[in-house]
């Protein structure tokens, strides 16, 4: 699983998009691999790309400039 995620990230980055949408980019990764993905996404921002991440992984919360925490309320 982790290798497939890294290959998918490499394909996206090679295309040099202005916007990267990442859905659970660290799912099923160990801590070291998750840190690598986080650093890779941060580097994309440094290159002027916008990065939007949807995640349940609280390790990524500190990586963002803006964090939206969504909750579902059952009435």
PDB file of N, CA and C in Angstrom:
ATOM      1  N   UNK A   1       0.803  -1.202   0.000  1.00  0.00           N
ATOM      2  CA  UNK A   1       0.000   0.000   0.000  1.00  0.00           C
ATOM      3  C   UNK A   1       0.840   1.257   0.000  1.00  0.00           C
ATOM      4  N   UNK A   2       1.869   1.307   0.852  1.00  0.00           N
ATOM      5  CA  UNK A   2       2.698   2.498   0.946  1.00  0.00           C
ATOM      6  C   UNK A   2       3.446   2.796  -0.337  1.00  0.00           C
ATOM      7  N   UNK A   3       3.915   1.757  -0.993  1.00  0.00           N
ATOM      8  CA  UNK A   3       4.648   1.954  -2.251  1.00  0.00           C
ATOM      9  C   UNK A   3       3.718   2.521  -3.315  1.00  0.00           C
ATOM     10  N   UNK A   4       2.491   2.041  -3.363  1.00  0.00           N
ATOM     11  CA  UNK A   4       1.519   2.561  -4.330  1.00  0.00           C
ATOM     12  C   UNK A   4       1.225   4.038  -4.078  1.00  0.00           C
ATOM     13  N   UNK A   5       1.149   4.421  -2.804  1.00  0.00           N
ATOM     14  CA  UNK A   5       0.896   5.822  -2.479  1.00  0.00           C
ATOM     15  C   UNK A   5       2.059   6.699  -2.917  1.00  0.00           C
ATOM     16  N   UNK A   6       3.275   6.225  -2.719  1.00  0.00           N
ATOM     17  CA  UNK A   6       4.445   7.008  -3.131  1.00  0.00           C
ATOM     18  C   UNK A   6       4.503   7.154  -4.649  1.00  0.00           C
ATOM     19  N   UNK A   7       4.167   6.094  -5.367  1.00  0.00           N
ATOM     20  CA  UNK A   7       4.153   6.160  -6.835  1.00  0.00           C
ATOM     21  C   UNK A   7       3.083   7.139  -7.295  1.00  0.00           C
ATOM     22  N   UNK A   8       1.919   7.104  -6.665  1.00  0.00           N
ATOM     23  CA  UNK A   8       0.843   8.035  -7.034  1.00  0.00           C
ATOM     24  C   UNK A   8       1.280   9.477  -6.785  1.00  0.00           C
ATOM     25  N   UNK A   9       1.951   9.734  -5.665  1.00  0.00           N
ATOM     26  CA  UNK A   9       2.441  11.079  -5.363  1.00  0.00           C
ATOM     27  C   UNK A   9       3.474  11.508  -6.404  1.00  0.00           C
ATOM     28  N   UNK A  10       4.355  10.612  -6.781  1.00  0.00           N
ATOM     29  CA  UNK A  10       5.380  10.937  -7.774  1.00  0.00           C
ATOM     30  C   UNK A  10       4.737  11.295  -9.115  1.00  0.00           C
ATOM     31  N   UNK A  11       3.694  10.570  -9.503  1.00  0.00           N
ATOM     32  CA  UNK A  11       3.006  10.866 -10.765  1.00  0.00           C
ATOM     33  C   UNK A  11       2.356  12.244 -10.729  1.00  0.00           C
ATOM     34  N   UNK A  12       1.756  12.579  -9.611  1.00  0.00           N
ATOM     35  CA  UNK A  12       1.109  13.887  -9.478  1.00  0.00           C
ATOM     36  C   UNK A  12       2.149  14.989  -9.555  1.00  0.00           C
ATOM     37  N   UNK A  13       3.224  14.839  -8.817  1.00  0.00           N
ATOM     38  CA  UNK A  13       4.251  15.878  -8.754  1.00  0.00           C
ATOM     39  C   UNK A  13       4.948  16.049 -10.103  1.00  0.00           C
ATOM     40  N   UNK A  14       5.144  14.964 -10.818  1.00  0.00           N
ATOM     41  CA  UNK A  14       5.788  15.039 -12.132  1.00  0.00           C
ATOM     42  C   UNK A  14       4.967  15.875 -13.103  1.00  0.00           C
ATOM     43  N   UNK A  15       3.657  15.903 -12.914  1.00  0.00           N
ATOM     44  CA  UNK A  15       2.783  16.681 -13.797  1.00  0.00           C
ATOM     45  C   UNK A  15       2.830  18.179 -13.473  1.00  0.00           C
ATOM     46  N   UNK A  16       3.440  18.553 -12.370  1.00  0.00           N
ATOM     47  CA  UNK A  16       3.597  19.938 -11.925  1.00  0.00           C
ATOM     48  C   UNK A  16       2.272  20.711 -11.910  1.00  0.00           C
ATOM     49  N   UNK A  17       1.259  20.174 -11.213  1.00  0.00           N
ATOM     50  CA  UNK A  17      -0.022  20.881 -11.168  1.00  0.00           C
ATOM     51  C   UNK A  17       0.058  22.105 -10.264  1.00  0.00           C
ATOM     52  N   UNK A  18      -0.835  23.043 -10.465  1.00  0.00           N
ATOM     53  CA  UNK A  18      -0.901  24.219  -9.593  1.00  0.00           C
ATOM     54  C   UNK A  18      -1.650  23.892  -8.310  1.00  0.00           C
ATOM     55  N   UNK A  19      -2.491  22.858  -8.347  1.00  0.00           N
ATOM     56  CA  UNK A  19      -3.294  22.437  -7.203  1.00  0.00           C
ATOM     57  C   UNK A  19      -3.170  20.936  -7.026  1.00  0.00           C
ATOM     58  N   UNK A  20      -2.881  20.512  -5.811  1.00  0.00           N
ATOM     59  CA  UNK A  20      -2.819  19.090  -5.486  1.00  0.00           C
ATOM     60  C   UNK A  20      -3.914  18.806  -4.462  1.00  0.00           C
ATOM     61  N   UNK A  21      -4.784  17.861  -4.792  1.00  0.00           N
ATOM     62  CA  UNK A  21      -5.809  17.391  -3.871  1.00  0.00           C
ATOM     63  C   UNK A  21      -5.387  16.009  -3.387  1.00  0.00           C
ATOM     64  N   UNK A  22      -5.177  15.870  -2.094  1.00  0.00           N
ATOM     65  CA  UNK A  22      -4.698  14.605  -1.539  1.00  0.00           C
ATOM     66  C   UNK A  22      -5.720  14.066  -0.544  1.00  0.00           C
ATOM     67  N   UNK A  23      -6.282  12.915  -0.846  1.00  0.00           N
ATOM     68  CA  UNK A  23      -7.262  12.275   0.017  1.00  0.00           C
ATOM     69  C   UNK A  23      -6.572  11.166   0.798  1.00  0.00           C
ATOM     70  N   UNK A  24      -6.427  11.387   2.092  1.00  0.00           N
ATOM     71  CA  UNK A  24      -5.782  10.422   2.994  1.00  0.00           C
ATOM     72  C   UNK A  24      -4.395   9.989   2.485  1.00  0.00           C
ATOM     73  N   UNK A  25      -3.493  10.939   2.247  1.00  0.00           N
ATOM     74  CA  UNK A  25      -2.188  10.582   1.678  1.00  0.00           C
ATOM     75  C   UNK A  25      -1.303   9.751   2.600  1.00  0.00           C
ATOM     76  N   UNK A  26      -1.599   9.729   3.898  1.00  0.00           N
ATOM     77  CA  UNK A  26      -0.761   8.956   4.818  1.00  0.00           C
ATOM     78  C   UNK A  26      -1.464   7.717   5.356  1.00  0.00           C
ATOM     79  N   UNK A  27      -2.628   7.383   4.805  1.00  0.00           N
ATOM     80  CA  UNK A  27      -3.363   6.208   5.275  1.00  0.00           C
ATOM     81  C   UNK A  27      -2.526   4.946   5.104  1.00  0.00           C
ATOM     82  N   UNK A  28      -2.494   4.148   6.124  1.00  0.00           N
ATOM     83  CA  UNK A  28      -1.794   2.856   6.118  1.00  0.00           C
ATOM     84  C   UNK A  28      -0.281   2.968   5.968  1.00  0.00           C
ATOM     85  N   UNK A  29       0.283   4.129   6.277  1.00  0.00           N
ATOM     86  CA  UNK A  29       1.738   4.282   6.225  1.00  0.00           C
ATOM     87  C   UNK A  29       2.298   4.264   7.640  1.00  0.00           C
ATOM     88  N   UNK A  30       3.531   3.776   7.774  1.00  0.00           N
ATOM     89  CA  UNK A  30       4.179   3.862   9.077  1.00  0.00           C
ATOM     90  C   UNK A  30       4.626   5.309   9.315  1.00  0.00           C
ATOM     91  N   UNK A  31       5.105   5.597  10.516  1.00  0.00           N
ATOM     92  CA  UNK A  31       5.456   6.976  10.866  1.00  0.00           C
ATOM     93  C   UNK A  31       6.497   7.582   9.938  1.00  0.00           C
ATOM     94  N   UNK A  32       7.517   6.807   9.598  1.00  0.00           N
ATOM     95  CA  UNK A  32       8.597   7.333   8.748  1.00  0.00           C
ATOM     96  C   UNK A  32       8.076   7.676   7.357  1.00  0.00           C
ATOM     97  N   UNK A  33       7.289   6.798   6.783  1.00  0.00           N
ATOM     98  CA  UNK A  33       6.748   7.047   5.444  1.00  0.00           C
ATOM     99  C   UNK A  33       5.759   8.205   5.475  1.00  0.00           C
ATOM    100  N   UNK A  34       4.967   8.314   6.547  1.00  0.00           N
ATOM    101  CA  UNK A  34       4.014   9.423   6.673  1.00  0.00           C
ATOM    102  C   UNK A  34       4.761  10.752   6.746  1.00  0.00           C
ATOM    103  N   UNK A  35       5.881  10.783   7.458  1.00  0.00           N
ATOM    104  CA  UNK A  35       6.686  12.016   7.526  1.00  0.00           C
ATOM    105  C   UNK A  35       7.235  12.377   6.155  1.00  0.00           C
ATOM    106  N   UNK A  36       7.648  11.392   5.385  1.00  0.00           N
ATOM    107  CA  UNK A  36       8.153  11.657   4.037  1.00  0.00           C
ATOM    108  C   UNK A  36       7.070  12.277   3.153  1.00  0.00           C
ATOM    109  N   UNK A  37       5.864  11.751   3.251  1.00  0.00           N
ATOM    110  CA  UNK A  37       4.749  12.293   2.462  1.00  0.00           C
ATOM    111  C   UNK A  37       4.453  13.711   2.917  1.00  0.00           C
ATOM    112  N   UNK A  38       4.438  13.943   4.224  1.00  0.00           N
ATOM    113  CA  UNK A  38       4.200  15.292   4.741  1.00  0.00           C
ATOM    114  C   UNK A  38       5.260  16.264   4.226  1.00  0.00           C
ATOM    115  N   UNK A  39       6.520  15.882   4.274  1.00  0.00           N
ATOM    116  CA  UNK A  39       7.605  16.743   3.787  1.00  0.00           C
ATOM    117  C   UNK A  39       7.461  16.998   2.282  1.00  0.00           C
ATOM    118  N   UNK A  40       7.060  15.989   1.552  1.00  0.00           N
ATOM    119  CA  UNK A  40       6.870  16.129   0.113  1.00  0.00           C
ATOM    120  C   UNK A  40       5.754  17.133  -0.187  1.00  0.00           C
ATOM    121  N   UNK A  41       4.659  17.052   0.560  1.00  0.00           N
ATOM    122  CA  UNK A  41       3.563  17.994   0.362  1.00  0.00           C
ATOM    123  C   UNK A  41       3.978  19.412   0.750  1.00  0.00           C
ATOM    124  N   UNK A  42       4.723  19.549   1.838  1.00  0.00           N
ATOM    125  CA  UNK A  42       5.223  20.875   2.234  1.00  0.00           C
ATOM    126  C   UNK A  42       6.127  21.464   1.154  1.00  0.00           C
ATOM    127  N   UNK A  43       6.941  20.626   0.545  1.00  0.00           N
ATOM    128  CA  UNK A  43       7.837  21.097  -0.512  1.00  0.00           C
ATOM    129  C   UNK A  43       7.041  21.616  -1.703  1.00  0.00           C
ATOM    130  N   UNK A  44       5.907  21.002  -1.981  1.00  0.00           N
ATOM    131  CA  UNK A  44       5.091  21.460  -3.101  1.00  0.00           C
ATOM    132  C   UNK A  44       4.558  22.865  -2.847  1.00  0.00           C
ATOM    133  N   UNK A  45       4.202  23.151  -1.611  1.00  0.00           N
ATOM    134  CA  UNK A  45       3.758  24.505  -1.252  1.00  0.00           C
ATOM    135  C   UNK A  45       4.910  25.483  -1.450  1.00  0.00           C
ATOM    136  N   UNK A  46       6.104  25.078  -1.093  1.00  0.00           N
ATOM    137  CA  UNK A  46       7.272  25.936  -1.274  1.00  0.00           C
ATOM    138  C   UNK A  46       7.520  26.248  -2.758  1.00  0.00           C
ATOM    139  N   UNK A  47       7.080  25.340  -3.640  1.00  0.00           N
ATOM    140  CA  UNK A  47       7.208  25.563  -5.085  1.00  0.00           C
ATOM    141  C   UNK A  47       6.043  26.374  -5.637  1.00  0.00           C
ATOM    142  N   UNK A  48       5.180  26.864  -4.767  1.00  0.00           N
ATOM    143  CA  UNK A  48       4.083  27.708  -5.203  1.00  0.00           C
ATOM    144  C   UNK A  48       2.806  26.976  -5.555  1.00  0.00           C
ATOM    145  N   UNK A  49       2.730  25.709  -5.220  1.00  0.00           N
ATOM    146  CA  UNK A  49       1.527  24.935  -5.505  1.00  0.00           C
ATOM    147  C   UNK A  49       0.590  24.972  -4.299  1.00  0.00           C
ATOM    148  N   UNK A  50      -0.695  24.943  -4.561  1.00  0.00           N
ATOM    149  CA  UNK A  50      -1.676  24.846  -3.487  1.00  0.00           C
ATOM    150  C   UNK A  50      -1.914  23.370  -3.205  1.00  0.00           C
ATOM    151  N   UNK A  51      -1.989  23.025  -1.931  1.00  0.00           N
ATOM    152  CA  UNK A  51      -2.203  21.632  -1.529  1.00  0.00           C
ATOM    153  C   UNK A  51      -3.400  21.585  -0.585  1.00  0.00           C
ATOM    154  N   UNK A  52      -4.372  20.750  -0.936  1.00  0.00           N
ATOM    155  CA  UNK A  52      -5.540  20.524  -0.088  1.00  0.00           C
ATOM    156  C   UNK A  52      -5.519  19.055   0.314  1.00  0.00           C
ATOM    157  N   UNK A  53      -5.565  18.813   1.613  1.00  0.00           N
ATOM    158  CA  UNK A  53      -5.486  17.447   2.137  1.00  0.00           C
ATOM    159  C   UNK A  53      -6.738  17.145   2.952  1.00  0.00           C
ATOM    160  N   UNK A  54      -7.378  16.029   2.645  1.00  0.00           N
ATOM    161  CA  UNK A  54      -8.468  15.504   3.466  1.00  0.00           C
ATOM    162  C   UNK A  54      -7.887  14.321   4.228  1.00  0.00           C
ATOM    163  N   UNK A  55      -7.949  14.380   5.567  1.00  0.00           N
ATOM    164  CA  UNK A  55      -7.306  13.331   6.344  1.00  0.00           C
ATOM    165  C   UNK A  55      -7.946  13.160   7.710  1.00  0.00           C
ATOM    166  N   UNK A  56      -7.782  11.972   8.251  1.00  0.00           N
ATOM    167  CA  UNK A  56      -8.112  11.697   9.643  1.00  0.00           C
ATOM    168  C   UNK A  56      -6.825  11.638  10.467  1.00  0.00           C
ATOM    169  N   UNK A  57      -5.690  11.757   9.808  1.00  0.00           N
ATOM    170  CA  UNK A  57      -4.378  11.623  10.437  1.00  0.00           C
ATOM    171  C   UNK A  57      -3.996  12.930  11.127  1.00  0.00           C
ATOM    172  N   UNK A  58      -4.092  12.944  12.423  1.00  0.00           N
ATOM    173  CA  UNK A  58      -3.798  14.156  13.190  1.00  0.00           C
ATOM    174  C   UNK A  58      -2.330  14.580  13.091  1.00  0.00           C
ATOM    175  N   UNK A  59      -1.472  13.689  12.632  1.00  0.00           N
ATOM    176  CA  UNK A  59      -0.062  14.065  12.453  1.00  0.00           C
ATOM    177  C   UNK A  59       0.080  15.161  11.410  1.00  0.00           C
ATOM    178  N   UNK A  60      -0.859  15.258  10.489  1.00  0.00           N
ATOM    179  CA  UNK A  60      -0.784  16.262   9.428  1.00  0.00           C
ATOM    180  C   UNK A  60      -1.381  17.605   9.838  1.00  0.00           C
ATOM    181  N   UNK A  61      -2.060  17.666  10.953  1.00  0.00           N
ATOM    182  CA  UNK A  61      -2.744  18.901  11.340  1.00  0.00           C
ATOM    183  C   UNK A  61      -1.785  20.080  11.451  1.00  0.00           C
ATOM    184  N   UNK A  62      -0.603  19.883  11.959  1.00  0.00           N
ATOM    185  CA  UNK A  62       0.350  20.972  12.111  1.00  0.00           C
ATOM    186  C   UNK A  62       0.996  21.414  10.814  1.00  0.00           C
ATOM    187  N   UNK A  63       0.760  20.695   9.741  1.00  0.00           N
ATOM    188  CA  UNK A  63       1.410  21.006   8.474  1.00  0.00           C
ATOM    189  C   UNK A  63       0.673  22.079   7.681  1.00  0.00           C
ATOM    190  N   UNK A  64      -0.560  22.367   8.064  1.00  0.00           N
ATOM    191  CA  UNK A  64      -1.364  23.266   7.244  1.00  0.00           C
ATOM    192  C   UNK A  64      -1.320  24.711   7.676  1.00  0.00           C
ATOM    193  N   UNK A  65      -1.586  25.597   6.717  1.00  0.00           N
ATOM    194  CA  UNK A  65      -1.759  27.017   7.009  1.00  0.00           C
ATOM    195  C   UNK A  65      -3.168  27.278   7.522  1.00  0.00           C
ATOM    196  N   UNK A  66      -4.109  26.471   7.057  1.00  0.00           N
ATOM    197  CA  UNK A  66      -5.508  26.594   7.450  1.00  0.00           C
ATOM    198  C   UNK A  66      -6.038  25.196   7.695  1.00  0.00           C
ATOM    199  N   UNK A  67      -6.672  24.995   8.831  1.00  0.00           N
ATOM    200  CA  UNK A  67      -7.204  23.680   9.178  1.00  0.00           C
ATOM    201  C   UNK A  67      -8.701  23.816   9.420  1.00  0.00           C
ATOM    202  N   UNK A  68      -9.469  23.030   8.698  1.00  0.00           N
ATOM    203  CA  UNK A  68     -10.909  22.969   8.906  1.00  0.00           C
ATOM    204  C   UNK A  68     -11.225  21.613   9.507  1.00  0.00           C
ATOM    205  N   UNK A  69     -11.796  21.605  10.684  1.00  0.00           N
ATOM    206  CA  UNK A  69     -12.148  20.371  11.376  1.00  0.00           C
ATOM    207  C   UNK A  69     -13.655  20.198  11.252  1.00  0.00           C
ATOM    208  N   UNK A  70     -14.078  19.228  10.473  1.00  0.00           N
ATOM    209  CA  UNK A  70     -15.491  19.016  10.192  1.00  0.00           C
ATOM    210  C   UNK A  70     -16.074  17.951  11.113  1.00  0.00           C
ATOM    211  N   UNK A  71     -17.254  18.223  11.625  1.00  0.00           N
ATOM    212  CA  UNK A  71     -17.944  17.286  12.494  1.00  0.00           C
ATOM    213  C   UNK A  71     -19.356  17.094  11.976  1.00  0.00           C
ATOM    214  N   UNK A  72     -19.864  15.894  12.137  1.00  0.00           N
ATOM    215  CA  UNK A  72     -21.250  15.631  11.780  1.00  0.00           C
ATOM    216  C   UNK A  72     -22.049  15.554  13.066  1.00  0.00           C
ATOM    217  N   UNK A  73     -23.092  16.317  13.138  1.00  0.00           N
ATOM    218  CA  UNK A  73     -23.944  16.317  14.308  1.00  0.00           C
ATOM    219  C   UNK A  73     -25.225  15.564  13.966  1.00  0.00           C
ATOM    220  N   UNK A  74     -25.539  14.563  14.753  1.00  0.00           N
ATOM    221  CA  UNK A  74     -26.751  13.791  14.541  1.00  0.00           C
ATOM    222  C   UNK A  74     -27.835  14.371  15.424  1.00  0.00           C
ATOM    223  N   UNK A  75     -28.947  14.702  14.813  1.00  0.00           N
ATOM    224  CA  UNK A  75     -30.053  15.324  15.560  1.00  0.00           C
ATOM    225  C   UNK A  75     -31.143  14.317  15.788  1.00  0.00           C
TER     226      UNK A  75
END
